Amino acid sequence: MADIWNRSEQQKQVEELEETVLNPGNDQRMIFIAANFRCEVTATALWLLSREIRAQCFKVTPYATA
């Protein structure tokens, strides 16, 4: 795995990770689904959004039918 990473980094030839565009042309997002979210999760979602990475949190209530 490390060998693959090294070859990948050599091909990119970038000085900073911020200059790297992952999967150009693809529209991606992260979706978080839970009954409750801790503050760390919502803070992470806000951080992702501030870096123009689509992230959404959905609160769900699990239930069972009889």
PDB file of N, CA and C in Angstrom:
ATOM      1  N   MET A   1       0.825  -1.197   0.000  1.00  0.00           N
ATOM      2  CA  MET A   1       0.000   0.000   0.000  1.00  0.00           C
ATOM      3  C   MET A   1       0.864   1.254   0.000  1.00  0.00           C
ATOM      4  N   ALA A   2       1.936   1.248   0.759  1.00  0.00           N
ATOM      5  CA  ALA A   2       2.819   2.407   0.810  1.00  0.00           C
ATOM      6  C   ALA A   2       3.440   2.661  -0.555  1.00  0.00           C
ATOM      7  N   ASP A   3       3.748   1.592  -1.295  1.00  0.00           N
ATOM      8  CA  ASP A   3       4.327   1.728  -2.623  1.00  0.00           C
ATOM      9  C   ASP A   3       3.363   2.438  -3.565  1.00  0.00           C
ATOM     10  N   ILE A   4       2.081   2.085  -3.490  1.00  0.00           N
ATOM     11  CA  ILE A   4       1.070   2.737  -4.323  1.00  0.00           C
ATOM     12  C   ILE A   4       0.989   4.216  -3.979  1.00  0.00           C
ATOM     13  N   TRP A   5       1.005   4.531  -2.688  1.00  0.00           N
ATOM     14  CA  TRP A   5       0.934   5.927  -2.249  1.00  0.00           C
ATOM     15  C   TRP A   5       2.132   6.712  -2.773  1.00  0.00           C
ATOM     16  N   ASN A   6       3.328   6.133  -2.672  1.00  0.00           N
ATOM     17  CA  ASN A   6       4.532   6.823  -3.137  1.00  0.00           C
ATOM     18  C   ASN A   6       4.483   7.084  -4.633  1.00  0.00           C
ATOM     19  N   ARG A   7       4.052   6.101  -5.412  1.00  0.00           N
ATOM     20  CA  ARG A   7       3.936   6.304  -6.857  1.00  0.00           C
ATOM     21  C   ARG A   7       2.908   7.379  -7.180  1.00  0.00           C
ATOM     22  N   SER A   8       1.808   7.383  -6.437  1.00  0.00           N
ATOM     23  CA  SER A   8       0.761   8.377  -6.650  1.00  0.00           C
ATOM     24  C   SER A   8       1.289   9.780  -6.365  1.00  0.00           C
ATOM     25  N   GLU A   9       2.028   9.929  -5.288  1.00  0.00           N
ATOM     26  CA  GLU A   9       2.567  11.234  -4.916  1.00  0.00           C
ATOM     27  C   GLU A   9       3.611  11.703  -5.923  1.00  0.00           C
ATOM     28  N   GLN A  10       4.404  10.795  -6.446  1.00  0.00           N
ATOM     29  CA  GLN A  10       5.405  11.166  -7.441  1.00  0.00           C
ATOM     30  C   GLN A  10       4.735  11.666  -8.710  1.00  0.00           C
ATOM     31  N   GLN A  11       3.619  11.091  -9.085  1.00  0.00           N
ATOM     32  CA  GLN A  11       2.919  11.504 -10.292  1.00  0.00           C
ATOM     33  C   GLN A  11       2.303  12.878 -10.130  1.00  0.00           C
ATOM     34  N   LYS A  12       1.843  13.204  -8.953  1.00  0.00           N
ATOM     35  CA  LYS A  12       1.147  14.478  -8.735  1.00  0.00           C
ATOM     36  C   LYS A  12       2.104  15.662  -8.760  1.00  0.00           C
ATOM     37  N   GLN A  13       3.283  15.512  -8.152  1.00  0.00           N
ATOM     38  CA  GLN A  13       4.270  16.580  -8.118  1.00  0.00           C
ATOM     39  C   GLN A  13       3.689  17.881  -7.584  1.00  0.00           C
ATOM     40  N   VAL A  14       3.061  17.828  -6.428  1.00  0.00           N
ATOM     41  CA  VAL A  14       2.523  19.033  -5.798  1.00  0.00           C
ATOM     42  C   VAL A  14       3.280  19.295  -4.518  1.00  0.00           C
ATOM     43  N   GLU A  15       3.394  20.571  -4.183  1.00  0.00           N
ATOM     44  CA  GLU A  15       4.110  20.930  -2.970  1.00  0.00           C
ATOM     45  C   GLU A  15       3.207  20.910  -1.745  1.00  0.00           C
ATOM     46  N   GLU A  16       1.964  21.261  -1.926  1.00  0.00           N
ATOM     47  CA  GLU A  16       1.023  21.318  -0.820  1.00  0.00           C
ATOM     48  C   GLU A  16      -0.188  20.463  -1.149  1.00  0.00           C
ATOM     49  N   LEU A  17      -0.729  19.812  -0.140  1.00  0.00           N
ATOM     50  CA  LEU A  17      -1.921  18.994  -0.332  1.00  0.00           C
ATOM     51  C   LEU A  17      -3.099  19.851  -0.779  1.00  0.00           C
ATOM     52  N   GLU A  18      -3.141  21.105  -0.363  1.00  0.00           N
ATOM     53  CA  GLU A  18      -4.239  21.995  -0.733  1.00  0.00           C
ATOM     54  C   GLU A  18      -4.319  22.214  -2.246  1.00  0.00           C
ATOM     55  N   GLU A  19      -3.200  21.997  -2.956  1.00  0.00           N
ATOM     56  CA  GLU A  19      -3.180  22.181  -4.402  1.00  0.00           C
ATOM     57  C   GLU A  19      -3.734  20.966  -5.135  1.00  0.00           C
ATOM     58  N   THR A  20      -3.929  19.863  -4.442  1.00  0.00           N
ATOM     59  CA  THR A  20      -4.358  18.630  -5.064  1.00  0.00           C
ATOM     60  C   THR A  20      -5.870  18.617  -5.244  1.00  0.00           C
ATOM     61  N   VAL A  21      -6.324  18.288  -6.446  1.00  0.00           N
ATOM     62  CA  VAL A  21      -7.748  18.148  -6.727  1.00  0.00           C
ATOM     63  C   VAL A  21      -8.036  16.663  -6.855  1.00  0.00           C
ATOM     64  N   LEU A  22      -8.874  16.148  -5.979  1.00  0.00           N
ATOM     65  CA  LEU A  22      -9.224  14.739  -6.012  1.00  0.00           C
ATOM     66  C   LEU A  22     -10.464  14.535  -6.860  1.00  0.00           C
ATOM     67  N   ASN A  23     -10.419  13.590  -7.776  1.00  0.00           N
ATOM     68  CA  ASN A  23     -11.540  13.241  -8.635  1.00  0.00           C
ATOM     69  C   ASN A  23     -12.141  14.460  -9.328  1.00  0.00           C
ATOM     70  N   PRO A  24     -11.362  15.153 -10.149  1.00  0.00           N
ATOM     71  CA  PRO A  24     -11.901  16.336 -10.825  1.00  0.00           C
ATOM     72  C   PRO A  24     -13.079  15.969 -11.720  1.00  0.00           C
ATOM     73  N   GLY A  25     -14.059  16.846 -11.747  1.00  0.00           N
ATOM     74  CA  GLY A  25     -15.229  16.623 -12.581  1.00  0.00           C
ATOM     75  C   GLY A  25     -16.302  15.778 -11.921  1.00  0.00           C
ATOM     76  N   ASN A  26     -16.051  15.262 -10.735  1.00  0.00           N
ATOM     77  CA  ASN A  26     -17.047  14.453 -10.025  1.00  0.00           C
ATOM     78  C   ASN A  26     -17.647  15.274  -8.897  1.00  0.00           C
ATOM     79  N   ASP A  27     -18.945  15.189  -8.751  1.00  0.00           N
ATOM     80  CA  ASP A  27     -19.640  15.877  -7.674  1.00  0.00           C
ATOM     81  C   ASP A  27     -19.837  14.880  -6.545  1.00  0.00           C
ATOM     82  N   GLN A  28     -19.152  15.098  -5.434  1.00  0.00           N
ATOM     83  CA  GLN A  28     -19.224  14.164  -4.321  1.00  0.00           C
ATOM     84  C   GLN A  28     -19.748  14.865  -3.084  1.00  0.00           C
ATOM     85  N   ARG A  29     -20.263  14.077  -2.152  1.00  0.00           N
ATOM     86  CA  ARG A  29     -20.767  14.624  -0.898  1.00  0.00           C
ATOM     87  C   ARG A  29     -20.654  13.559   0.189  1.00  0.00           C
ATOM     88  N   MET A  30     -20.758  14.030   1.418  1.00  0.00           N
ATOM     89  CA  MET A  30     -20.755  13.133   2.575  1.00  0.00           C
ATOM     90  C   MET A  30     -22.095  13.307   3.274  1.00  0.00           C
ATOM     91  N   ILE A  31     -22.716  12.199   3.611  1.00  0.00           N
ATOM     92  CA  ILE A  31     -24.003  12.221   4.303  1.00  0.00           C
ATOM     93  C   ILE A  31     -23.852  11.474   5.615  1.00  0.00           C
ATOM     94  N   PHE A  32     -24.184  12.143   6.699  1.00  0.00           N
ATOM     95  CA  PHE A  32     -24.142  11.543   8.032  1.00  0.00           C
ATOM     96  C   PHE A  32     -25.566  11.315   8.491  1.00  0.00           C
ATOM     97  N   ILE A  33     -25.874  10.109   8.940  1.00  0.00           N
ATOM     98  CA  ILE A  33     -27.220   9.765   9.399  1.00  0.00           C
ATOM     99  C   ILE A  33     -27.098   9.157  10.793  1.00  0.00           C
ATOM    100  N   ALA A  34     -27.846   9.720  11.746  1.00  0.00           N
ATOM    101  CA  ALA A  34     -27.803   9.202  13.115  1.00  0.00           C
ATOM    102  C   ALA A  34     -29.028   9.678  13.878  1.00  0.00           C
ATOM    103  N   ALA A  35     -29.293   9.026  15.006  1.00  0.00           N
ATOM    104  CA  ALA A  35     -30.385   9.448  15.877  1.00  0.00           C
ATOM    105  C   ALA A  35     -30.015  10.743  16.590  1.00  0.00           C
ATOM    106  N   ASN A  36     -28.743  10.892  16.953  1.00  0.00           N
ATOM    107  CA  ASN A  36     -28.234  12.099  17.604  1.00  0.00           C
ATOM    108  C   ASN A  36     -26.806  12.339  17.118  1.00  0.00           C
ATOM    109  N   PHE A  37     -26.421  13.593  17.019  1.00  0.00           N
ATOM    110  CA  PHE A  37     -25.070  13.943  16.613  1.00  0.00           C
ATOM    111  C   PHE A  37     -24.349  14.632  17.759  1.00  0.00           C
ATOM    112  N   ARG A  38     -23.117  14.221  18.000  1.00  0.00           N
ATOM    113  CA  ARG A  38     -22.288  14.907  18.977  1.00  0.00           C
ATOM    114  C   ARG A  38     -21.786  16.206  18.351  1.00  0.00           C
ATOM    115  N   CYS A  39     -21.380  17.132  19.175  1.00  0.00           N
ATOM    116  CA  CYS A  39     -20.895  18.432  18.695  1.00  0.00           C
ATOM    117  C   CYS A  39     -19.723  18.273  17.737  1.00  0.00           C
ATOM    118  N   GLU A  40     -18.875  17.265  17.970  1.00  0.00           N
ATOM    119  CA  GLU A  40     -17.716  17.056  17.102  1.00  0.00           C
ATOM    120  C   GLU A  40     -18.127  16.734  15.668  1.00  0.00           C
ATOM    121  N   VAL A  41     -19.225  16.010  15.521  1.00  0.00           N
ATOM    122  CA  VAL A  41     -19.687  15.636  14.182  1.00  0.00           C
ATOM    123  C   VAL A  41     -20.219  16.856  13.443  1.00  0.00           C
ATOM    124  N   THR A  42     -21.029  17.656  14.122  1.00  0.00           N
ATOM    125  CA  THR A  42     -21.566  18.844  13.458  1.00  0.00           C
ATOM    126  C   THR A  42     -20.454  19.859  13.173  1.00  0.00           C
ATOM    127  N   ALA A  43     -19.480  19.953  14.054  1.00  0.00           N
ATOM    128  CA  ALA A  43     -18.341  20.838  13.813  1.00  0.00           C
ATOM    129  C   ALA A  43     -17.544  20.370  12.598  1.00  0.00           C
ATOM    130  N   THR A  44     -17.396  19.062  12.459  1.00  0.00           N
ATOM    131  CA  THR A  44     -16.702  18.507  11.295  1.00  0.00           C
ATOM    132  C   THR A  44     -17.472  18.802  10.017  1.00  0.00           C
ATOM    133  N   ALA A  45     -18.781  18.659  10.060  1.00  0.00           N
ATOM    134  CA  ALA A  45     -19.607  18.965   8.883  1.00  0.00           C
ATOM    135  C   ALA A  45     -19.463  20.435   8.500  1.00  0.00           C
ATOM    136  N   LEU A  46     -19.454  21.323   9.460  1.00  0.00           N
ATOM    137  CA  LEU A  46     -19.269  22.745   9.178  1.00  0.00           C
ATOM    138  C   LEU A  46     -17.890  23.025   8.606  1.00  0.00           C
ATOM    139  N   TRP A  47     -16.876  22.339   9.129  1.00  0.00           N
ATOM    140  CA  TRP A  47     -15.510  22.492   8.621  1.00  0.00           C
ATOM    141  C   TRP A  47     -15.437  22.045   7.157  1.00  0.00           C
ATOM    142  N   LEU A  48     -16.066  20.910   6.850  1.00  0.00           N
ATOM    143  CA  LEU A  48     -16.087  20.424   5.470  1.00  0.00           C
ATOM    144  C   LEU A  48     -16.782  21.418   4.554  1.00  0.00           C
ATOM    145  N   LEU A  49     -17.904  21.944   5.004  1.00  0.00           N
ATOM    146  CA  LEU A  49     -18.642  22.931   4.208  1.00  0.00           C
ATOM    147  C   LEU A  49     -17.810  24.184   3.947  1.00  0.00           C
ATOM    148  N   SER A  50     -17.027  24.604   4.936  1.00  0.00           N
ATOM    149  CA  SER A  50     -16.194  25.796   4.757  1.00  0.00           C
ATOM    150  C   SER A  50     -15.098  25.564   3.729  1.00  0.00           C
ATOM    151  N   ARG A  51     -14.798  24.320   3.434  1.00  0.00           N
ATOM    152  CA  ARG A  51     -13.806  23.966   2.421  1.00  0.00           C
ATOM    153  C   ARG A  51     -14.467  23.484   1.130  1.00  0.00           C
ATOM    154  N   GLU A  52     -15.731  23.860   0.986  1.00  0.00           N
ATOM    155  CA  GLU A  52     -16.520  23.567  -0.212  1.00  0.00           C
ATOM    156  C   GLU A  52     -16.667  22.073  -0.496  1.00  0.00           C
ATOM    157  N   ILE A  53     -16.727  21.280   0.573  1.00  0.00           N
ATOM    158  CA  ILE A  53     -17.036  19.859   0.464  1.00  0.00           C
ATOM    159  C   ILE A  53     -18.454  19.676   0.971  1.00  0.00           C
ATOM    160  N   ARG A  54     -19.315  19.138   0.125  1.00  0.00           N
ATOM    161  CA  ARG A  54     -20.724  18.997   0.490  1.00  0.00           C
ATOM    162  C   ARG A  54     -20.867  17.953   1.594  1.00  0.00           C
ATOM    163  N   ALA A  55     -21.478  18.360   2.677  1.00  0.00           N
ATOM    164  CA  ALA A  55     -21.727  17.459   3.803  1.00  0.00           C
ATOM    165  C   ALA A  55     -23.110  17.770   4.361  1.00  0.00           C
ATOM    166  N   GLN A  56     -23.847  16.722   4.694  1.00  0.00           N
ATOM    167  CA  GLN A  56     -25.185  16.892   5.253  1.00  0.00           C
ATOM    168  C   GLN A  56     -25.354  15.957   6.442  1.00  0.00           C
ATOM    169  N   CYS A  57     -26.071  16.436   7.454  1.00  0.00           N
ATOM    170  CA  CYS A  57     -26.404  15.624   8.617  1.00  0.00           C
ATOM    171  C   CYS A  57     -27.921  15.426   8.644  1.00  0.00           C
ATOM    172  N   PHE A  58     -28.349  14.193   8.733  1.00  0.00           N
ATOM    173  CA  PHE A  58     -29.770  13.869   8.827  1.00  0.00           C
ATOM    174  C   PHE A  58     -30.027  13.173  10.149  1.00  0.00           C
ATOM    175  N   LYS A  59     -30.949  13.729  10.919  1.00  0.00           N
ATOM    176  CA  LYS A  59     -31.338  13.124  12.185  1.00  0.00           C
ATOM    177  C   LYS A  59     -32.543  12.232  11.925  1.00  0.00           C
ATOM    178  N   VAL A  60     -32.440  10.981  12.342  1.00  0.00           N
ATOM    179  CA  VAL A  60     -33.522  10.029  12.142  1.00  0.00           C
ATOM    180  C   VAL A  60     -33.953   9.454  13.483  1.00  0.00           C
ATOM    181  N   THR A  61     -35.181   9.004  13.533  1.00  0.00           N
ATOM    182  CA  THR A  61     -35.700   8.350  14.734  1.00  0.00           C
ATOM    183  C   THR A  61     -36.021   6.890  14.378  1.00  0.00           C
ATOM    184  N   PRO A  62     -35.201   5.970  14.859  1.00  0.00           N
ATOM    185  CA  PRO A  62     -35.465   4.561  14.561  1.00  0.00           C
ATOM    186  C   PRO A  62     -36.699   4.061  15.335  1.00  0.00           C
ATOM    187  N   TYR A  63     -37.468   3.217  14.709  1.00  0.00           N
ATOM    188  CA  TYR A  63     -38.609   2.632  15.387  1.00  0.00           C
ATOM    189  C   TYR A  63     -38.861   1.257  14.805  1.00  0.00           C
ATOM    190  N   ALA A  64     -39.618   0.468  15.534  1.00  0.00           N
ATOM    191  CA  ALA A  64     -39.965  -0.881  15.077  1.00  0.00           C
ATOM    192  C   ALA A  64     -41.488  -0.983  14.951  1.00  0.00           C
ATOM    193  N   THR A  65     -41.924  -1.746  13.974  1.00  0.00           N
ATOM    194  CA  THR A  65     -43.355  -1.974  13.805  1.00  0.00           C
ATOM    195  C   THR A  65     -43.697  -3.347  14.371  1.00  0.00           C
ATOM    196  N   ALA A  66     -44.873  -3.439  14.930  1.00  0.00           N
ATOM    197  CA  ALA A  66     -45.272  -4.722  15.535  1.00  0.00           C
ATOM    198  C   ALA A  66     -46.101  -5.546  14.589  1.00  0.00           C
TER     199      ALA A  66
END
